[in-house]
Amino acid sequence: MNEPGAAELVDADSAVPSAPRRISPTGRAANRVLHEPAFVLHAIAWRETSLIVELLTRNHGRVACVAKGAKRPTSAMRGALMPFQPLNVGFSGRQELRTLTSAEWLGGMAAPQGNALLCAFYLNELLVRLLPRDDPHPVLFDGYAHALVSLGLDDSPEASLRRFEWLLLHETGYALDLEHDTDNCPVDGDRMYAMVPGRGFLATDALEAGAVSGHTLIDMASARYDCARTLAEAKRLTRNLLARQLDGQVLKTRQILMDLHKR
């Protein structure tokens, strides 16, 4: 199977701002950013020689930029704007769609291959769908970089996905308390818990459909995913919470992964 490109996996409409808006500058320096750690999440062609690029930056969050002339063979940015590779970038502008002024490939990271590559595209699609623009999350940026390293080494892709999904939910304010139940009692590893949206986890004596074990919640709180049961229950739990935030949007990469696993 030919491995899909980023443009095939995320709708173009999600990458192109519908209408520029003003951001709040704090001075002239706020209009120009230099030497910013970044990753390319998505890129689409714009006019004949340029690209619109969605970047995940460490200190400025998700940023959309026009990379003018990036498709020209002589462009210094042409070979740098690749997904899943660490960059130092510069950009300027006050509107939602900035101008990319520089992009330097830092190297040193193995690119994901095969199934791990689809998993990496899935992470990008989650970020484009769920992370607001201009909302910095340095911890999430570092977690994304760590996930890419793990996927590049093909080191337990399922654990990397679960760890990042929960980090994304936590950083965007949609995660639930994994250490205490709805009565504010510490989670007991020997009990079962039912998720109550907006509240947390309710201890239950019955093996309710969709209930998760206390051991799973404790493992997730410590970012441990070396147990098969934890992986399975964490997947069901994170997908449930993510679906609520996606509000009916279908993730293309997730569907591709599901189809591949059915073969």
C-alpha atoms as a PDB file:
ATOM      1  CA  MET A   1       0.000   0.000   0.000  1.00  0.00           C
ATOM      2  CA  ASN A   2       1.346   3.456  -0.833  1.00  0.00           C
ATOM      3  CA  GLU A   3       1.794   5.443   2.336  1.00  0.00           C
ATOM      4  CA  PRO A   4      -0.485   8.498   2.289  1.00  0.00           C
ATOM      5  CA  GLY A   5       0.732  12.043   2.374  1.00  0.00           C
ATOM      6  CA  ALA A   6      -0.389  14.540   4.957  1.00  0.00           C
ATOM      7  CA  ALA A   7      -2.693  16.302   2.532  1.00  0.00           C
ATOM      8  CA  GLU A   8      -4.644  13.084   1.994  1.00  0.00           C
ATOM      9  CA  LEU A   9      -5.218  12.575   5.700  1.00  0.00           C
ATOM     10  CA  VAL A  10      -6.432  15.980   6.850  1.00  0.00           C
ATOM     11  CA  ASP A  11      -9.061  18.008   5.048  1.00  0.00           C
ATOM     12  CA  ALA A  12      -7.573  21.023   3.340  1.00  0.00           C
ATOM     13  CA  ASP A  13     -10.280  23.218   4.862  1.00  0.00           C
ATOM     14  CA  SER A  14      -8.909  22.478   8.330  1.00  0.00           C
ATOM     15  CA  ALA A  15      -5.525  23.885   7.359  1.00  0.00           C
ATOM     16  CA  VAL A  16      -6.644  27.093   5.608  1.00  0.00           C
ATOM     17  CA  PRO A  17      -7.949  29.914   7.804  1.00  0.00           C
ATOM     18  CA  SER A  18     -11.483  30.869   6.856  1.00  0.00           C
ATOM     19  CA  ALA A  19     -10.877  34.516   7.706  1.00  0.00           C
ATOM     20  CA  PRO A  20      -7.748  36.231   9.067  1.00  0.00           C
ATOM     21  CA  ARG A  21      -8.097  37.637  12.542  1.00  0.00           C
ATOM     22  CA  ARG A  22      -5.987  39.959  14.590  1.00  0.00           C
ATOM     23  CA  ILE A  23      -3.844  38.597  17.379  1.00  0.00           C
ATOM     24  CA  SER A  24      -2.711  40.636  20.349  1.00  0.00           C
ATOM     25  CA  PRO A  25       0.850  41.855  19.883  1.00  0.00           C
ATOM     26  CA  THR A  26       2.966  42.906  22.870  1.00  0.00           C
ATOM     27  CA  GLY A  27       5.293  45.144  20.872  1.00  0.00           C
ATOM     28  CA  ARG A  28       7.231  45.099  17.632  1.00  0.00           C
ATOM     29  CA  ALA A  29       9.081  41.946  18.697  1.00  0.00           C
ATOM     30  CA  ALA A  30       5.768  40.111  18.858  1.00  0.00           C
ATOM     31  CA  ASN A  31       5.455  40.414  15.079  1.00  0.00           C
ATOM     32  CA  ARG A  32       8.610  38.439  14.351  1.00  0.00           C
ATOM     33  CA  VAL A  33       9.591  35.092  15.853  1.00  0.00           C
ATOM     34  CA  LEU A  34      13.053  33.597  15.359  1.00  0.00           C
ATOM     35  CA  HIS A  35      14.660  30.236  16.184  1.00  0.00           C
ATOM     36  CA  GLU A  36      11.396  28.623  17.258  1.00  0.00           C
ATOM     37  CA  PRO A  37      11.330  24.799  17.714  1.00  0.00           C
ATOM     38  CA  ALA A  38       8.623  23.384  15.460  1.00  0.00           C
ATOM     39  CA  PHE A  39       7.199  20.422  13.563  1.00  0.00           C
ATOM     40  CA  VAL A  40       5.141  20.439  10.370  1.00  0.00           C
ATOM     41  CA  LEU A  41       1.653  19.093  10.996  1.00  0.00           C
ATOM     42  CA  HIS A  42       0.181  19.654   7.545  1.00  0.00           C
ATOM     43  CA  ALA A  43       0.966  21.447   4.304  1.00  0.00           C
ATOM     44  CA  ILE A  44      -1.050  22.228   1.191  1.00  0.00           C
ATOM     45  CA  ALA A  45      -0.190  23.949  -2.073  1.00  0.00           C
ATOM     46  CA  TRP A  46      -1.000  27.628  -2.286  1.00  0.00           C
ATOM     47  CA  ARG A  47      -0.874  29.343  -5.648  1.00  0.00           C
ATOM     48  CA  GLU A  48       1.844  28.106  -8.004  1.00  0.00           C
ATOM     49  CA  THR A  49       5.001  28.190  -5.913  1.00  0.00           C
ATOM     50  CA  SER A  50       3.990  28.457  -2.268  1.00  0.00           C
ATOM     51  CA  LEU A  51       2.610  26.371   0.590  1.00  0.00           C
ATOM     52  CA  ILE A  52       0.323  26.946   3.532  1.00  0.00           C
ATOM     53  CA  VAL A  53       1.903  25.118   6.434  1.00  0.00           C
ATOM     54  CA  GLU A  54       0.408  24.211   9.786  1.00  0.00           C
ATOM     55  CA  LEU A  55       3.169  24.161  12.408  1.00  0.00           C
ATOM     56  CA  LEU A  56       3.239  22.908  15.968  1.00  0.00           C
ATOM     57  CA  THR A  57       5.617  25.245  17.786  1.00  0.00           C
ATOM     58  CA  ARG A  58       6.869  24.933  21.316  1.00  0.00           C
ATOM     59  CA  ASN A  59       6.228  28.476  22.529  1.00  0.00           C
ATOM     60  CA  HIS A  60       3.445  29.690  20.233  1.00  0.00           C
ATOM     61  CA  GLY A  61       1.268  26.613  19.815  1.00  0.00           C
ATOM     62  CA  ARG A  62      -0.286  25.714  16.480  1.00  0.00           C
ATOM     63  CA  VAL A  63       0.534  28.341  13.879  1.00  0.00           C
ATOM     64  CA  ALA A  64      -0.470  28.643  10.204  1.00  0.00           C
ATOM     65  CA  CYS A  65       2.095  30.196   7.858  1.00  0.00           C
ATOM     66  CA  VAL A  66       2.488  30.961   4.180  1.00  0.00           C
ATOM     67  CA  ALA A  67       5.806  29.574   2.949  1.00  0.00           C
ATOM     68  CA  LYS A  68       6.303  31.816  -0.064  1.00  0.00           C
ATOM     69  CA  GLY A  69       8.169  30.189  -2.941  1.00  0.00           C
ATOM     70  CA  ALA A  70       8.702  26.971  -0.969  1.00  0.00           C
ATOM     71  CA  LYS A  71       7.821  24.831  -4.014  1.00  0.00           C
ATOM     72  CA  ARG A  72      10.549  26.360  -6.146  1.00  0.00           C
ATOM     73  CA  PRO A  73      13.550  24.046  -6.701  1.00  0.00           C
ATOM     74  CA  THR A  74      15.883  26.756  -5.468  1.00  0.00           C
ATOM     75  CA  SER A  75      13.987  27.429  -2.225  1.00  0.00           C
ATOM     76  CA  ALA A  76      15.992  26.896   0.957  1.00  0.00           C
ATOM     77  CA  MET A  77      12.786  25.752   2.675  1.00  0.00           C
ATOM     78  CA  ARG A  78      11.817  23.162   0.051  1.00  0.00           C
ATOM     79  CA  GLY A  79      13.614  20.233   1.671  1.00  0.00           C
ATOM     80  CA  ALA A  80      13.047  21.311   5.249  1.00  0.00           C
ATOM     81  CA  LEU A  81       9.251  21.412   5.414  1.00  0.00           C
ATOM     82  CA  MET A  82       8.743  17.693   5.958  1.00  0.00           C
ATOM     83  CA  PRO A  83       6.503  16.155   8.637  1.00  0.00           C
ATOM     84  CA  PHE A  84       7.905  14.371  11.682  1.00  0.00           C
ATOM     85  CA  GLN A  85      11.256  16.152  11.566  1.00  0.00           C
ATOM     86  CA  PRO A  86      12.463  18.749  14.113  1.00  0.00           C
ATOM     87  CA  LEU A  87      12.845  22.274  12.776  1.00  0.00           C
ATOM     88  CA  ASN A  88      13.916  25.731  13.831  1.00  0.00           C
ATOM     89  CA  VAL A  89      11.610  28.221  12.162  1.00  0.00           C
ATOM     90  CA  GLY A  90      11.051  31.919  11.920  1.00  0.00           C
ATOM     91  CA  PHE A  91       7.786  33.653  11.086  1.00  0.00           C
ATOM     92  CA  SER A  92       6.262  37.107  11.157  1.00  0.00           C
ATOM     93  CA  GLY A  93       2.883  38.800  10.992  1.00  0.00           C
ATOM     94  CA  ARG A  94      -0.020  39.832  13.197  1.00  0.00           C
ATOM     95  CA  GLN A  95      -2.837  37.984  11.489  1.00  0.00           C
ATOM     96  CA  GLU A  96      -3.780  34.343  11.953  1.00  0.00           C
ATOM     97  CA  LEU A  97      -1.974  33.449   8.735  1.00  0.00           C
ATOM     98  CA  ARG A  98       1.662  34.430   9.225  1.00  0.00           C
ATOM     99  CA  THR A  99       4.572  34.494   6.791  1.00  0.00           C
ATOM    100  CA  LEU A 100       7.219  31.808   7.238  1.00  0.00           C
ATOM    101  CA  THR A 101      10.611  33.513   6.987  1.00  0.00           C
ATOM    102  CA  SER A 102      12.959  30.598   7.666  1.00  0.00           C
ATOM    103  CA  ALA A 103      12.956  26.841   8.256  1.00  0.00           C
ATOM    104  CA  GLU A 104      16.045  24.895   9.288  1.00  0.00           C
ATOM    105  CA  TRP A 105      16.036  21.105   9.503  1.00  0.00           C
ATOM    106  CA  LEU A 106      17.716  19.964  12.719  1.00  0.00           C
ATOM    107  CA  GLY A 107      17.945  16.251  11.860  1.00  0.00           C
ATOM    108  CA  GLY A 108      18.733  13.502  14.331  1.00  0.00           C
ATOM    109  CA  MET A 109      15.286  11.856  14.362  1.00  0.00           C
ATOM    110  CA  ALA A 110      14.426   8.617  12.574  1.00  0.00           C
ATOM    111  CA  ALA A 111      11.288   8.928  10.449  1.00  0.00           C
ATOM    112  CA  PRO A 112       8.419   6.548  11.302  1.00  0.00           C
ATOM    113  CA  GLN A 113       7.837   3.770   8.777  1.00  0.00           C
ATOM    114  CA  GLY A 114       4.915   1.529   7.816  1.00  0.00           C
ATOM    115  CA  ASN A 115       2.206   1.289  10.464  1.00  0.00           C
ATOM    116  CA  ALA A 116       4.124   3.680  12.724  1.00  0.00           C
ATOM    117  CA  LEU A 117       3.953   6.303   9.954  1.00  0.00           C
ATOM    118  CA  LEU A 118       0.150   6.101   9.931  1.00  0.00           C
ATOM    119  CA  CYS A 119       0.203   6.436  13.716  1.00  0.00           C
ATOM    120  CA  ALA A 120       2.291   9.597  13.369  1.00  0.00           C
ATOM    121  CA  PHE A 121      -0.185  11.042  10.847  1.00  0.00           C
ATOM    122  CA  TYR A 122      -2.936  10.214  13.355  1.00  0.00           C
ATOM    123  CA  LEU A 123      -1.179  12.351  15.997  1.00  0.00           C
ATOM    124  CA  ASN A 124      -0.954  15.218  13.507  1.00  0.00           C
ATOM    125  CA  GLU A 125      -4.629  14.939  12.652  1.00  0.00           C
ATOM    126  CA  LEU A 126      -5.579  15.018  16.330  1.00  0.00           C
ATOM    127  CA  LEU A 127      -3.567  18.190  16.834  1.00  0.00           C
ATOM    128  CA  VAL A 128      -5.041  19.925  13.784  1.00  0.00           C
ATOM    129  CA  ARG A 129      -8.593  18.992  14.837  1.00  0.00           C
ATOM    130  CA  LEU A 130      -8.400  19.645  18.575  1.00  0.00           C
ATOM    131  CA  LEU A 131      -5.657  22.157  19.348  1.00  0.00           C
ATOM    132  CA  PRO A 132      -6.693  25.813  18.945  1.00  0.00           C
ATOM    133  CA  ARG A 133      -4.296  28.089  17.132  1.00  0.00           C
ATOM    134  CA  ASP A 134      -1.999  30.408  19.103  1.00  0.00           C
ATOM    135  CA  ASP A 135      -2.439  28.363  22.286  1.00  0.00           C
ATOM    136  CA  PRO A 136       1.059  27.312  23.453  1.00  0.00           C
ATOM    137  CA  HIS A 137       1.541  23.999  25.236  1.00  0.00           C
ATOM    138  CA  PRO A 138       5.282  23.334  25.731  1.00  0.00           C
ATOM    139  CA  VAL A 139       4.589  20.085  27.593  1.00  0.00           C
ATOM    140  CA  LEU A 140       2.417  18.851  24.718  1.00  0.00           C
ATOM    141  CA  PHE A 141       5.118  19.827  22.204  1.00  0.00           C
ATOM    142  CA  ASP A 142       7.688  17.816  24.164  1.00  0.00           C
ATOM    143  CA  GLY A 143       5.280  14.879  24.428  1.00  0.00           C
ATOM    144  CA  TYR A 144       4.713  14.970  20.674  1.00  0.00           C
ATOM    145  CA  ALA A 145       8.472  14.954  20.022  1.00  0.00           C
ATOM    146  CA  HIS A 146       8.879  12.006  22.403  1.00  0.00           C
ATOM    147  CA  ALA A 147       6.064  10.118  20.645  1.00  0.00           C
ATOM    148  CA  LEU A 148       7.745  10.659  17.269  1.00  0.00           C
ATOM    149  CA  VAL A 149      11.036   9.323  18.615  1.00  0.00           C
ATOM    150  CA  SER A 150       9.266   6.212  19.918  1.00  0.00           C
ATOM    151  CA  LEU A 151       7.392   5.719  16.642  1.00  0.00           C
ATOM    152  CA  GLY A 152      10.609   6.174  14.690  1.00  0.00           C
ATOM    153  CA  LEU A 153      12.129   3.358  16.714  1.00  0.00           C
ATOM    154  CA  ASP A 154       8.909   1.323  16.287  1.00  0.00           C
ATOM    155  CA  ASP A 155       8.853   1.094  20.078  1.00  0.00           C
ATOM    156  CA  SER A 156       5.318  -0.039  21.048  1.00  0.00           C
ATOM    157  CA  PRO A 157       3.203   2.230  18.817  1.00  0.00           C
ATOM    158  CA  GLU A 158       0.042   1.477  20.816  1.00  0.00           C
ATOM    159  CA  ALA A 159       1.633   2.701  24.047  1.00  0.00           C
ATOM    160  CA  SER A 160       2.903   5.837  22.294  1.00  0.00           C
ATOM    161  CA  LEU A 161      -0.592   6.610  20.984  1.00  0.00           C
ATOM    162  CA  ARG A 162      -2.297   6.096  24.336  1.00  0.00           C
ATOM    163  CA  ARG A 163       0.275   8.195  26.167  1.00  0.00           C
ATOM    164  CA  PHE A 164      -0.052  11.067  23.700  1.00  0.00           C
ATOM    165  CA  GLU A 165      -3.860  10.926  23.534  1.00  0.00           C
ATOM    166  CA  TRP A 166      -4.119  11.329  27.288  1.00  0.00           C
ATOM    167  CA  LEU A 167      -1.510  14.099  27.324  1.00  0.00           C
ATOM    168  CA  LEU A 168      -3.494  15.968  24.654  1.00  0.00           C
ATOM    169  CA  LEU A 169      -6.709  15.590  26.655  1.00  0.00           C
ATOM    170  CA  HIS A 170      -4.947  16.755  29.811  1.00  0.00           C
ATOM    171  CA  GLU A 171      -3.279  19.773  28.196  1.00  0.00           C
ATOM    172  CA  THR A 172      -6.500  20.930  26.529  1.00  0.00           C
ATOM    173  CA  GLY A 173      -8.516  20.543  29.738  1.00  0.00           C
ATOM    174  CA  TYR A 174     -10.642  17.537  28.762  1.00  0.00           C
ATOM    175  CA  ALA A 175      -9.000  14.817  30.862  1.00  0.00           C
ATOM    176  CA  LEU A 176     -10.576  13.383  33.992  1.00  0.00           C
ATOM    177  CA  ASP A 177      -8.978  12.820  37.389  1.00  0.00           C
ATOM    178  CA  LEU A 178      -7.309   9.402  37.274  1.00  0.00           C
ATOM    179  CA  GLU A 179      -6.263   9.299  40.920  1.00  0.00           C
ATOM    180  CA  HIS A 180      -9.576  10.011  42.690  1.00  0.00           C
ATOM    181  CA  ASP A 181     -13.137   8.865  42.082  1.00  0.00           C
ATOM    182  CA  THR A 182     -16.234  11.060  41.985  1.00  0.00           C
ATOM    183  CA  ASP A 183     -16.410  10.907  45.807  1.00  0.00           C
ATOM    184  CA  ASN A 184     -12.795  12.169  45.988  1.00  0.00           C
ATOM    185  CA  CYS A 185     -11.594   8.812  47.307  1.00  0.00           C
ATOM    186  CA  PRO A 186      -8.270   7.417  46.031  1.00  0.00           C
ATOM    187  CA  VAL A 187      -8.703   5.015  43.123  1.00  0.00           C
ATOM    188  CA  ASP A 188      -8.512   1.391  44.277  1.00  0.00           C
ATOM    189  CA  GLY A 189      -6.671  -0.934  41.912  1.00  0.00           C
ATOM    190  CA  ASP A 190      -8.975  -3.822  42.838  1.00  0.00           C
ATOM    191  CA  ARG A 191     -12.209  -2.035  41.966  1.00  0.00           C
ATOM    192  CA  MET A 192     -14.002  -1.234  38.715  1.00  0.00           C
ATOM    193  CA  TYR A 193     -14.961   2.293  37.664  1.00  0.00           C
ATOM    194  CA  ALA A 194     -17.528   3.735  35.280  1.00  0.00           C
ATOM    195  CA  MET A 195     -16.729   6.987  33.510  1.00  0.00           C
ATOM    196  CA  VAL A 196     -19.145   9.838  34.229  1.00  0.00           C
ATOM    197  CA  PRO A 197     -18.596  12.560  31.592  1.00  0.00           C
ATOM    198  CA  GLY A 198     -17.724  15.892  33.149  1.00  0.00           C
ATOM    199  CA  ARG A 199     -17.335  14.398  36.619  1.00  0.00           C
ATOM    200  CA  GLY A 200     -14.802  11.579  36.657  1.00  0.00           C
ATOM    201  CA  PHE A 201     -14.878   7.903  37.568  1.00  0.00           C
ATOM    202  CA  LEU A 202     -17.588   6.347  39.700  1.00  0.00           C
ATOM    203  CA  ALA A 203     -16.684   3.261  41.704  1.00  0.00           C
ATOM    204  CA  THR A 204     -18.994   0.396  40.825  1.00  0.00           C
ATOM    205  CA  ASP A 205     -19.439  -3.095  42.200  1.00  0.00           C
ATOM    206  CA  ALA A 206     -20.968  -4.387  38.994  1.00  0.00           C
ATOM    207  CA  LEU A 207     -18.988  -5.133  35.855  1.00  0.00           C
ATOM    208  CA  GLU A 208     -20.742  -2.460  33.819  1.00  0.00           C
ATOM    209  CA  ALA A 209     -20.283  -2.224  30.089  1.00  0.00           C
ATOM    210  CA  GLY A 210     -17.393   0.142  29.417  1.00  0.00           C
ATOM    211  CA  ALA A 211     -16.117   0.074  33.002  1.00  0.00           C
ATOM    212  CA  VAL A 212     -12.361   0.183  33.530  1.00  0.00           C
ATOM    213  CA  SER A 213     -10.278  -1.325  36.286  1.00  0.00           C
ATOM    214  CA  GLY A 214      -8.645   0.743  38.982  1.00  0.00           C
ATOM    215  CA  HIS A 215      -5.305  -0.737  37.928  1.00  0.00           C
ATOM    216  CA  THR A 216      -5.776   0.802  34.480  1.00  0.00           C
ATOM    217  CA  LEU A 217      -6.489   4.256  35.929  1.00  0.00           C
ATOM    218  CA  ILE A 218      -3.447   4.007  38.205  1.00  0.00           C
ATOM    219  CA  ASP A 219      -1.260   2.915  35.284  1.00  0.00           C
ATOM    220  CA  MET A 220      -2.530   5.774  33.113  1.00  0.00           C
ATOM    221  CA  ALA A 221      -1.873   8.305  35.866  1.00  0.00           C
ATOM    222  CA  SER A 222       1.767   7.140  35.844  1.00  0.00           C
ATOM    223  CA  ALA A 223       1.917   6.910  32.011  1.00  0.00           C
ATOM    224  CA  ARG A 224       2.593   3.160  32.237  1.00  0.00           C
ATOM    225  CA  TYR A 225       1.252   1.123  29.332  1.00  0.00           C
ATOM    226  CA  ASP A 226       3.141  -2.166  29.592  1.00  0.00           C
ATOM    227  CA  CYS A 227       0.045  -4.195  30.521  1.00  0.00           C
ATOM    228  CA  ALA A 228      -2.253  -5.563  27.792  1.00  0.00           C
ATOM    229  CA  ARG A 229      -5.375  -4.838  29.842  1.00  0.00           C
ATOM    230  CA  THR A 230      -4.260  -1.267  30.493  1.00  0.00           C
ATOM    231  CA  LEU A 231      -3.637  -0.713  26.776  1.00  0.00           C
ATOM    232  CA  ALA A 232      -7.052  -2.081  25.802  1.00  0.00           C
ATOM    233  CA  GLU A 233      -9.041  -0.190  28.449  1.00  0.00           C
ATOM    234  CA  ALA A 234      -7.056   3.032  27.964  1.00  0.00           C
ATOM    235  CA  LYS A 235      -7.766   2.898  24.227  1.00  0.00           C
ATOM    236  CA  ARG A 236     -11.503   2.590  24.831  1.00  0.00           C
ATOM    237  CA  LEU A 237     -11.420   5.381  27.414  1.00  0.00           C
ATOM    238  CA  THR A 238      -9.382   7.903  25.415  1.00  0.00           C
ATOM    239  CA  ARG A 239     -11.352   7.259  22.227  1.00  0.00           C
ATOM    240  CA  ASN A 240     -14.579   7.918  24.123  1.00  0.00           C
ATOM    241  CA  LEU A 241     -13.319  11.241  25.451  1.00  0.00           C
ATOM    242  CA  LEU A 242     -11.789  12.271  22.132  1.00  0.00           C
ATOM    243  CA  ALA A 243     -15.032  11.490  20.291  1.00  0.00           C
ATOM    244  CA  ARG A 244     -16.872  13.923  22.557  1.00  0.00           C
ATOM    245  CA  GLN A 245     -14.454  16.694  21.638  1.00  0.00           C
ATOM    246  CA  LEU A 246     -14.433  15.850  17.924  1.00  0.00           C
ATOM    247  CA  ASP A 247     -18.230  16.273  17.871  1.00  0.00           C
ATOM    248  CA  GLY A 248     -18.877  13.787  15.108  1.00  0.00           C
ATOM    249  CA  GLN A 249     -15.805  14.517  12.989  1.00  0.00           C
ATOM    250  CA  VAL A 250     -14.307  11.359  11.506  1.00  0.00           C
ATOM    251  CA  LEU A 251     -10.537  10.973  11.755  1.00  0.00           C
ATOM    252  CA  LYS A 252      -9.297   9.640   8.439  1.00  0.00           C
ATOM    253  CA  THR A 253      -6.118   8.131   9.852  1.00  0.00           C
ATOM    254  CA  ARG A 254      -8.013   6.226  12.534  1.00  0.00           C
ATOM    255  CA  GLN A 255     -10.286   4.689   9.906  1.00  0.00           C
ATOM    256  CA  ILE A 256      -7.283   3.656   7.796  1.00  0.00           C
ATOM    257  CA  LEU A 257      -5.639   2.010  10.813  1.00  0.00           C
ATOM    258  CA  MET A 258      -8.867   0.180  11.652  1.00  0.00           C
ATOM    259  CA  ASP A 259      -9.193  -1.066   8.062  1.00  0.00           C
ATOM    260  CA  LEU A 260      -5.596  -2.297   8.032  1.00  0.00           C
ATOM    261  CA  HIS A 261      -6.069  -4.215  11.286  1.00  0.00           C
ATOM    262  CA  LYS A 262      -9.115  -5.981   9.830  1.00  0.00           C
ATOM    263  CA  ARG A 263      -7.053  -7.495   7.008  1.00  0.00           C
END
